[in-house]
């Protein structure tokens, strides 16, 4: 598979696939043998079981399969979705916007424009933060150079 499935099972007409520029990391298990317990997913993702249940409760991951005894059974597509959500979290996207994005994905291909707009807005925010951090880095580099120059000058005297 060359695309990352980031789909909380769509209920609309579309496939709900989002293409990413780099292939996902390999899954611990191949498709078809990819049933994971909540503790296994917590270990793989670094999220707590509490967070995974919360994601399900708020609609960020409402499609988790269950065994006949009611135990959650995550799939590779769920791991892919969690990786994507993790990237969204790193952008600083609000939980409400992440839930909105998930709802748009579930609604199907008719929401591509809204999804794109949400991601473009997030990208602008990230680019602005990067620019701010680059300015901060330049100030730090200037101060570091100042102190290095001062140290060299005092060694010469």
N, C-alpha and C. Protein backbone atom coordinates (compact mmCIF):
# COMPACT_ATOMS: atom_id res chain seq x y z
N UNK A 1 0.85 -1.17 0.00
CA UNK A 1 0.00 0.00 0.00
C UNK A 1 0.90 1.23 0.00
N UNK A 2 0.65 2.13 -0.95
CA UNK A 2 1.50 3.31 -1.07
C UNK A 2 0.85 4.55 -0.49
N UNK A 3 -0.40 4.47 -0.10
CA UNK A 3 -1.06 5.62 0.52
C UNK A 3 -1.40 5.27 1.94
N UNK A 4 -1.49 6.30 2.75
CA UNK A 4 -1.84 6.07 4.15
C UNK A 4 -3.33 6.27 4.31
N UNK A 5 -3.99 5.26 4.79
CA UNK A 5 -5.42 5.37 5.03
C UNK A 5 -5.62 6.08 6.35
N UNK A 6 -6.21 7.24 6.25
CA UNK A 6 -6.45 8.04 7.45
C UNK A 6 -7.93 8.21 7.63
N UNK A 7 -8.64 7.12 7.56
CA UNK A 7 -10.08 7.18 7.47
C UNK A 7 -10.78 6.63 8.69
N UNK A 8 -11.52 7.48 9.41
CA UNK A 8 -12.45 6.91 10.35
C UNK A 8 -13.64 6.47 9.51
N UNK A 9 -13.81 5.22 9.27
CA UNK A 9 -14.72 4.60 8.34
C UNK A 9 -15.77 5.56 7.79
N UNK A 10 -15.67 5.89 6.49
CA UNK A 10 -16.58 6.86 5.91
C UNK A 10 -18.00 6.33 5.82
N UNK A 11 -18.96 7.23 6.01
CA UNK A 11 -20.35 6.86 5.84
C UNK A 11 -20.91 7.46 4.57
N UNK A 12 -20.13 8.33 3.93
CA UNK A 12 -20.56 8.95 2.69
C UNK A 12 -20.24 8.08 1.51
N UNK A 13 -20.23 8.68 0.32
CA UNK A 13 -20.03 7.92 -0.90
C UNK A 13 -18.58 7.69 -1.23
N UNK A 14 -17.66 8.48 -0.66
CA UNK A 14 -16.26 8.39 -1.06
C UNK A 14 -15.46 7.40 -0.25
N UNK A 15 -14.22 7.21 -0.70
CA UNK A 15 -13.34 6.27 -0.02
C UNK A 15 -12.77 6.87 1.26
N UNK A 16 -12.66 8.20 1.34
CA UNK A 16 -12.14 8.85 2.53
C UNK A 16 -10.64 8.78 2.67
N UNK A 17 -9.91 8.37 1.62
CA UNK A 17 -8.46 8.28 1.72
C UNK A 17 -7.82 9.64 1.60
N UNK A 18 -6.83 9.88 2.42
CA UNK A 18 -6.01 11.07 2.32
C UNK A 18 -4.63 10.61 1.90
N UNK A 19 -4.11 11.20 0.85
CA UNK A 19 -2.79 10.82 0.37
C UNK A 19 -1.73 11.59 1.13
N UNK A 20 -0.68 10.94 1.50
CA UNK A 20 0.43 11.57 2.19
C UNK A 20 1.65 11.46 1.30
N UNK A 21 2.59 12.34 1.51
CA UNK A 21 3.76 12.36 0.64
C UNK A 21 4.76 11.27 0.97
N UNK A 22 4.74 10.77 2.14
CA UNK A 22 5.67 9.68 2.48
C UNK A 22 4.88 8.50 2.97
N UNK A 23 5.33 7.29 2.60
CA UNK A 23 4.59 6.12 3.05
C UNK A 23 4.64 5.98 4.57
N UNK A 24 3.62 5.37 5.14
CA UNK A 24 3.61 5.21 6.60
C UNK A 24 4.66 4.20 7.05
N UNK A 25 4.97 4.27 8.33
CA UNK A 25 5.85 3.26 8.90
C UNK A 25 5.15 1.92 8.78
N UNK A 26 5.93 0.84 8.70
CA UNK A 26 5.29 -0.48 8.60
C UNK A 26 4.47 -0.79 9.86
N UNK A 27 3.41 -1.53 9.65
CA UNK A 27 2.56 -1.93 10.77
C UNK A 27 3.17 -3.13 11.49
N UNK A 28 2.86 -3.27 12.77
CA UNK A 28 3.35 -4.44 13.51
C UNK A 28 2.81 -5.76 12.94
N UNK A 29 1.61 -5.72 12.36
CA UNK A 29 1.01 -6.92 11.81
C UNK A 29 0.47 -6.62 10.42
N UNK A 30 0.47 -7.63 9.53
CA UNK A 30 -0.07 -7.40 8.19
C UNK A 30 -1.59 -7.25 8.21
N UNK A 31 -2.13 -6.56 7.19
CA UNK A 31 -3.58 -6.45 7.06
C UNK A 31 -4.18 -7.86 7.08
N UNK A 32 -5.33 -7.99 7.68
CA UNK A 32 -5.98 -9.29 7.82
C UNK A 32 -5.64 -9.96 9.13
N UNK A 33 -4.49 -9.64 9.68
CA UNK A 33 -4.07 -10.18 10.99
C UNK A 33 -3.88 -9.03 11.97
N UNK A 34 -4.52 -7.93 11.69
CA UNK A 34 -4.27 -6.69 12.40
C UNK A 34 -5.34 -6.37 13.44
N UNK A 35 -5.48 -7.23 14.40
CA UNK A 35 -6.35 -6.94 15.54
C UNK A 35 -5.46 -6.62 16.73
N UNK A 36 -5.64 -5.40 17.26
CA UNK A 36 -4.82 -4.95 18.38
C UNK A 36 -5.73 -4.60 19.55
N UNK A 37 -5.29 -4.94 20.74
CA UNK A 37 -6.02 -4.53 21.94
C UNK A 37 -5.68 -3.07 22.24
N UNK A 38 -6.43 -2.48 23.13
CA UNK A 38 -6.17 -1.09 23.49
C UNK A 38 -4.79 -0.95 24.14
N UNK A 39 -4.36 -1.94 24.90
CA UNK A 39 -3.03 -1.85 25.52
C UNK A 39 -1.93 -1.96 24.47
N UNK A 40 -2.14 -2.78 23.45
CA UNK A 40 -1.15 -2.88 22.37
C UNK A 40 -1.06 -1.56 21.60
N UNK A 41 -2.21 -0.95 21.34
CA UNK A 41 -2.21 0.33 20.63
C UNK A 41 -1.56 1.41 21.49
N UNK A 42 -1.82 1.39 22.77
CA UNK A 42 -1.18 2.35 23.67
C UNK A 42 0.34 2.20 23.61
N UNK A 43 0.81 0.97 23.60
CA UNK A 43 2.25 0.73 23.54
C UNK A 43 2.84 1.21 22.21
N UNK A 44 2.16 0.92 21.10
CA UNK A 44 2.66 1.29 19.77
C UNK A 44 2.64 2.81 19.57
N UNK A 45 1.59 3.47 20.04
CA UNK A 45 1.42 4.90 19.75
C UNK A 45 1.98 5.82 20.82
N UNK A 46 2.16 5.31 22.03
CA UNK A 46 2.60 6.16 23.13
C UNK A 46 1.44 6.90 23.79
N UNK A 47 0.22 6.68 23.30
CA UNK A 47 -0.96 7.27 23.92
C UNK A 47 -1.42 6.38 25.06
N UNK A 48 -2.10 6.94 26.02
CA UNK A 48 -2.63 6.11 27.10
C UNK A 48 -3.96 5.50 26.67
N UNK A 49 -4.34 4.43 27.33
CA UNK A 49 -5.65 3.82 27.08
C UNK A 49 -6.76 4.83 27.37
N UNK A 50 -6.55 5.65 28.38
CA UNK A 50 -7.52 6.70 28.71
C UNK A 50 -7.70 7.66 27.53
N UNK A 51 -6.59 8.08 26.93
CA UNK A 51 -6.66 8.99 25.77
C UNK A 51 -7.36 8.32 24.60
N UNK A 52 -7.06 7.06 24.36
CA UNK A 52 -7.70 6.34 23.25
C UNK A 52 -9.21 6.25 23.46
N UNK A 53 -9.63 5.97 24.69
CA UNK A 53 -11.07 5.92 24.98
C UNK A 53 -11.71 7.31 24.82
N UNK A 54 -10.96 8.34 25.25
CA UNK A 54 -11.45 9.70 25.12
C UNK A 54 -11.62 10.08 23.64
N UNK A 55 -10.61 9.74 22.82
CA UNK A 55 -10.71 10.00 21.37
C UNK A 55 -11.97 9.36 20.81
N UNK A 56 -12.28 8.16 21.25
CA UNK A 56 -13.47 7.46 20.78
C UNK A 56 -14.73 8.20 21.25
N UNK A 57 -14.74 8.60 22.50
CA UNK A 57 -15.90 9.25 23.10
C UNK A 57 -16.22 10.59 22.43
N UNK A 58 -15.19 11.36 22.05
CA UNK A 58 -15.43 12.69 21.48
C UNK A 58 -15.66 12.66 19.98
N UNK A 59 -15.56 11.49 19.36
CA UNK A 59 -15.82 11.39 17.93
C UNK A 59 -14.59 11.47 17.06
N UNK A 60 -13.42 11.45 17.67
CA UNK A 60 -12.19 11.47 16.89
C UNK A 60 -11.90 10.09 16.30
N UNK A 61 -12.39 9.04 16.94
CA UNK A 61 -12.23 7.66 16.48
C UNK A 61 -13.47 6.84 16.83
N UNK A 62 -14.61 7.16 16.28
CA UNK A 62 -15.83 6.48 16.71
C UNK A 62 -16.08 5.11 16.09
N UNK A 63 -15.21 4.64 15.25
CA UNK A 63 -15.48 3.43 14.47
C UNK A 63 -14.74 2.18 14.95
N UNK A 64 -14.21 2.18 16.13
CA UNK A 64 -13.39 1.07 16.59
C UNK A 64 -14.24 -0.20 16.67
N UNK A 65 -13.73 -1.25 16.00
CA UNK A 65 -14.41 -2.54 16.03
C UNK A 65 -14.39 -3.10 17.45
N UNK A 66 -15.33 -3.99 17.71
CA UNK A 66 -15.40 -4.67 19.02
C UNK A 66 -15.47 -6.17 18.80
N UNK A 67 -14.89 -6.90 19.72
CA UNK A 67 -15.01 -8.36 19.68
C UNK A 67 -16.39 -8.74 20.19
N UNK A 68 -16.72 -10.02 20.13
CA UNK A 68 -18.02 -10.47 20.60
C UNK A 68 -18.20 -10.23 22.10
N UNK A 69 -17.09 -10.03 22.80
CA UNK A 69 -17.17 -9.74 24.24
C UNK A 69 -17.13 -8.24 24.53
N UNK A 70 -17.07 -7.42 23.48
CA UNK A 70 -17.06 -5.97 23.66
C UNK A 70 -15.68 -5.35 23.76
N UNK A 71 -14.63 -6.15 23.65
CA UNK A 71 -13.28 -5.62 23.74
C UNK A 71 -12.94 -4.88 22.44
N UNK A 72 -12.33 -3.70 22.58
CA UNK A 72 -11.93 -2.94 21.40
C UNK A 72 -10.91 -3.73 20.60
N UNK A 73 -11.08 -3.68 19.28
CA UNK A 73 -10.12 -4.34 18.37
C UNK A 73 -9.72 -3.32 17.31
N UNK A 74 -8.54 -2.77 17.49
CA UNK A 74 -8.02 -1.77 16.56
C UNK A 74 -7.42 -2.47 15.35
N UNK A 75 -7.41 -1.75 14.24
CA UNK A 75 -6.88 -2.26 12.97
C UNK A 75 -5.72 -1.37 12.53
N UNK A 76 -5.02 -1.80 11.48
CA UNK A 76 -3.92 -0.99 10.94
C UNK A 76 -4.42 0.39 10.52
N UNK A 77 -5.61 0.45 9.95
CA UNK A 77 -6.14 1.77 9.54
C UNK A 77 -6.30 2.69 10.75
N UNK A 78 -6.59 2.11 11.92
CA UNK A 78 -6.71 2.91 13.13
C UNK A 78 -5.34 3.44 13.57
N UNK A 79 -4.31 2.60 13.43
CA UNK A 79 -2.95 3.06 13.74
C UNK A 79 -2.55 4.19 12.81
N UNK A 80 -2.90 4.06 11.52
CA UNK A 80 -2.60 5.12 10.55
C UNK A 80 -3.31 6.41 10.94
N UNK A 81 -4.58 6.28 11.31
CA UNK A 81 -5.36 7.46 11.70
C UNK A 81 -4.74 8.11 12.94
N UNK A 82 -4.32 7.30 13.91
CA UNK A 82 -3.71 7.85 15.12
C UNK A 82 -2.39 8.55 14.81
N UNK A 83 -1.61 8.02 13.87
CA UNK A 83 -0.38 8.70 13.45
C UNK A 83 -0.71 10.08 12.88
N UNK A 84 -1.75 10.12 12.04
CA UNK A 84 -2.15 11.38 11.43
C UNK A 84 -2.65 12.36 12.50
N UNK A 85 -3.47 11.88 13.42
CA UNK A 85 -3.97 12.73 14.51
C UNK A 85 -2.79 13.26 15.33
N UNK A 86 -1.79 12.41 15.54
CA UNK A 86 -0.58 12.86 16.25
C UNK A 86 0.10 14.00 15.53
N UNK A 87 0.16 13.92 14.21
CA UNK A 87 0.76 15.02 13.43
C UNK A 87 -0.09 16.28 13.56
N UNK A 88 -1.42 16.12 13.52
CA UNK A 88 -2.30 17.28 13.68
C UNK A 88 -2.09 17.91 15.06
N UNK A 89 -1.93 17.08 16.08
CA UNK A 89 -1.68 17.60 17.43
C UNK A 89 -0.39 18.41 17.45
N UNK A 90 0.65 17.92 16.76
CA UNK A 90 1.93 18.63 16.72
C UNK A 90 1.81 19.99 16.03
N UNK A 91 0.84 20.14 15.14
CA UNK A 91 0.64 21.43 14.48
C UNK A 91 0.03 22.45 15.41
N UNK A 92 -0.52 21.99 16.52
CA UNK A 92 -1.23 22.89 17.42
C UNK A 92 -2.71 22.98 17.10
N UNK A 93 -3.19 22.14 16.17
CA UNK A 93 -4.61 22.16 15.83
C UNK A 93 -5.43 21.83 17.07
N UNK A 94 -6.51 22.54 17.24
CA UNK A 94 -7.36 22.30 18.40
C UNK A 94 -8.06 20.94 18.29
N UNK A 95 -8.44 20.39 19.42
CA UNK A 95 -9.17 19.13 19.42
C UNK A 95 -10.49 19.29 18.68
N UNK A 96 -11.13 20.43 18.85
CA UNK A 96 -12.40 20.68 18.15
C UNK A 96 -12.21 20.64 16.64
N UNK A 97 -11.11 21.22 16.14
CA UNK A 97 -10.84 21.17 14.70
C UNK A 97 -10.49 19.76 14.25
N UNK A 98 -9.79 19.00 15.09
CA UNK A 98 -9.49 17.62 14.73
C UNK A 98 -10.77 16.80 14.63
N UNK A 99 -11.68 17.01 15.56
CA UNK A 99 -12.96 16.30 15.53
C UNK A 99 -13.76 16.73 14.29
N UNK A 100 -13.74 18.01 13.98
CA UNK A 100 -14.42 18.49 12.77
C UNK A 100 -13.84 17.84 11.52
N UNK A 101 -12.51 17.74 11.47
CA UNK A 101 -11.86 17.09 10.34
C UNK A 101 -12.31 15.63 10.24
N UNK A 102 -12.33 14.93 11.37
CA UNK A 102 -12.77 13.53 11.37
C UNK A 102 -14.21 13.41 10.88
N UNK A 103 -15.05 14.32 11.29
CA UNK A 103 -16.44 14.30 10.83
C UNK A 103 -16.52 14.52 9.33
N UNK A 104 -15.69 15.43 8.81
CA UNK A 104 -15.66 15.67 7.37
C UNK A 104 -15.19 14.43 6.61
N UNK A 105 -14.17 13.74 7.15
CA UNK A 105 -13.69 12.52 6.50
C UNK A 105 -14.81 11.49 6.44
N UNK A 106 -15.52 11.32 7.55
CA UNK A 106 -16.61 10.35 7.58
C UNK A 106 -17.74 10.72 6.62
N UNK A 107 -17.89 12.01 6.35
CA UNK A 107 -18.97 12.46 5.47
C UNK A 107 -18.68 12.14 4.00
N UNK A 108 -17.44 11.84 3.65
CA UNK A 108 -17.13 11.41 2.29
C UNK A 108 -16.46 12.46 1.42
N UNK A 109 -16.32 12.12 0.17
CA UNK A 109 -15.57 12.93 -0.79
C UNK A 109 -16.16 14.31 -1.03
N UNK A 110 -17.43 14.49 -0.78
CA UNK A 110 -18.05 15.80 -0.98
C UNK A 110 -17.46 16.86 -0.06
N UNK A 111 -16.67 16.45 0.92
CA UNK A 111 -16.09 17.40 1.89
C UNK A 111 -14.61 17.69 1.62
N UNK A 112 -14.10 17.26 0.48
CA UNK A 112 -12.69 17.50 0.18
C UNK A 112 -12.32 18.98 0.30
N UNK A 113 -13.16 19.86 -0.21
CA UNK A 113 -12.85 21.30 -0.18
C UNK A 113 -12.75 21.81 1.25
N UNK A 114 -13.68 21.38 2.12
CA UNK A 114 -13.64 21.82 3.52
C UNK A 114 -12.42 21.26 4.23
N UNK A 115 -12.08 20.01 3.93
CA UNK A 115 -10.89 19.42 4.55
C UNK A 115 -9.64 20.16 4.12
N UNK A 116 -9.57 20.44 2.82
CA UNK A 116 -8.41 21.16 2.29
C UNK A 116 -8.29 22.53 2.95
N UNK A 117 -9.41 23.24 3.09
CA UNK A 117 -9.39 24.57 3.70
C UNK A 117 -8.91 24.49 5.15
N UNK A 118 -9.38 23.51 5.89
CA UNK A 118 -8.97 23.34 7.28
C UNK A 118 -7.47 23.06 7.36
N UNK A 119 -6.98 22.17 6.50
CA UNK A 119 -5.55 21.85 6.52
C UNK A 119 -4.70 23.03 6.04
N UNK A 120 -5.20 23.79 5.07
CA UNK A 120 -4.46 24.97 4.60
C UNK A 120 -4.37 26.01 5.71
N UNK A 121 -5.44 26.21 6.45
CA UNK A 121 -5.44 27.16 7.57
C UNK A 121 -4.43 26.70 8.63
N UNK A 122 -4.42 25.42 8.91
CA UNK A 122 -3.46 24.88 9.88
C UNK A 122 -2.05 25.04 9.38
N UNK A 123 -1.84 24.81 8.09
CA UNK A 123 -0.50 24.96 7.51
C UNK A 123 -0.02 26.40 7.65
N UNK A 124 -0.89 27.37 7.40
CA UNK A 124 -0.52 28.78 7.56
C UNK A 124 -0.11 29.07 9.01
N UNK A 125 -0.85 28.52 9.95
CA UNK A 125 -0.52 28.70 11.37
C UNK A 125 0.85 28.10 11.68
N UNK A 126 1.12 26.91 11.16
CA UNK A 126 2.40 26.25 11.40
C UNK A 126 3.54 27.06 10.77
N UNK A 127 3.33 27.53 9.55
CA UNK A 127 4.37 28.33 8.87
C UNK A 127 4.67 29.60 9.66
N UNK A 128 3.64 30.23 10.21
CA UNK A 128 3.85 31.44 11.02
C UNK A 128 4.63 31.11 12.28
N UNK A 129 4.31 29.98 12.91
CA UNK A 129 5.05 29.58 14.11
C UNK A 129 6.50 29.27 13.79
N UNK A 130 6.73 28.62 12.64
CA UNK A 130 8.11 28.31 12.22
C UNK A 130 8.88 29.60 12.00
N UNK A 131 8.27 30.57 11.33
CA UNK A 131 8.93 31.85 11.10
C UNK A 131 9.28 32.53 12.42
N UNK A 132 8.34 32.48 13.36
CA UNK A 132 8.60 33.07 14.67
C UNK A 132 9.76 32.36 15.36
N UNK A 133 9.78 31.04 15.28
CA UNK A 133 10.87 30.27 15.91
C UNK A 133 12.21 30.53 15.21
N UNK A 134 12.18 30.71 13.88
CA UNK A 134 13.43 31.03 13.18
C UNK A 134 13.98 32.38 13.64
N UNK A 135 13.10 33.34 13.87
CA UNK A 135 13.54 34.63 14.40
C UNK A 135 14.13 34.48 15.79
N UNK A 136 13.49 33.66 16.60
CA UNK A 136 13.99 33.39 17.94
C UNK A 136 15.35 32.69 17.88
N UNK A 137 15.49 31.75 16.97
CA UNK A 137 16.76 31.05 16.79
C UNK A 137 17.86 32.02 16.37
N UNK A 138 17.54 32.97 15.51
CA UNK A 138 18.53 33.96 15.08
C UNK A 138 19.00 34.80 16.26
N UNK A 139 18.09 35.18 17.16
CA UNK A 139 18.46 35.95 18.35
C UNK A 139 19.37 35.11 19.23
N UNK A 140 19.02 33.84 19.43
CA UNK A 140 19.87 32.97 20.25
C UNK A 140 21.25 32.81 19.62
N UNK A 141 21.31 32.59 18.32
CA UNK A 141 22.60 32.45 17.63
C UNK A 141 23.45 33.71 17.80
N UNK A 142 22.81 34.87 17.69
CA UNK A 142 23.53 36.14 17.87
C UNK A 142 24.13 36.22 19.28
N UNK A 143 23.33 35.88 20.29
CA UNK A 143 23.82 35.94 21.68
C UNK A 143 24.93 34.91 21.91
N UNK A 144 24.75 33.72 21.36
CA UNK A 144 25.79 32.69 21.52
C UNK A 144 27.09 33.17 20.89
N UNK A 145 27.00 33.72 19.68
CA UNK A 145 28.20 34.26 19.02
C UNK A 145 28.83 35.38 19.84
N UNK A 146 27.99 36.25 20.42
CA UNK A 146 28.49 37.34 21.26
C UNK A 146 29.32 36.79 22.41
N UNK A 147 28.78 35.78 23.12
CA UNK A 147 29.49 35.23 24.26
C UNK A 147 30.73 34.45 23.84
N UNK A 148 30.66 33.78 22.69
CA UNK A 148 31.85 33.08 22.19
C UNK A 148 32.95 34.08 21.84
N UNK A 149 32.57 35.18 21.18
CA UNK A 149 33.55 36.22 20.85
C UNK A 149 34.14 36.84 22.12
N UNK A 150 33.29 37.06 23.11
CA UNK A 150 33.76 37.64 24.38
C UNK A 150 34.74 36.69 25.08
N UNK A 151 34.45 35.41 25.03
CA UNK A 151 35.34 34.42 25.66
C UNK A 151 36.67 34.39 24.94
N UNK A 152 36.66 34.43 23.59
CA UNK A 152 37.91 34.44 22.84
C UNK A 152 38.71 35.70 23.13
N UNK A 153 38.04 36.83 23.24
CA UNK A 153 38.72 38.09 23.53
C UNK A 153 39.36 38.07 24.91
N UNK A 154 38.67 37.50 25.89
CA UNK A 154 39.25 37.47 27.23
C UNK A 154 40.40 36.48 27.31
N UNK A 155 40.43 35.46 26.48
CA UNK A 155 41.55 34.51 26.46
C UNK A 155 42.79 35.15 25.88
N UNK A 156 42.61 36.11 24.96
CA UNK A 156 43.76 36.78 24.34
C UNK A 156 44.40 37.77 25.30
N UNK A 157 43.68 38.23 26.30
CA UNK A 157 44.22 39.26 27.21
C UNK A 157 44.81 38.66 28.39
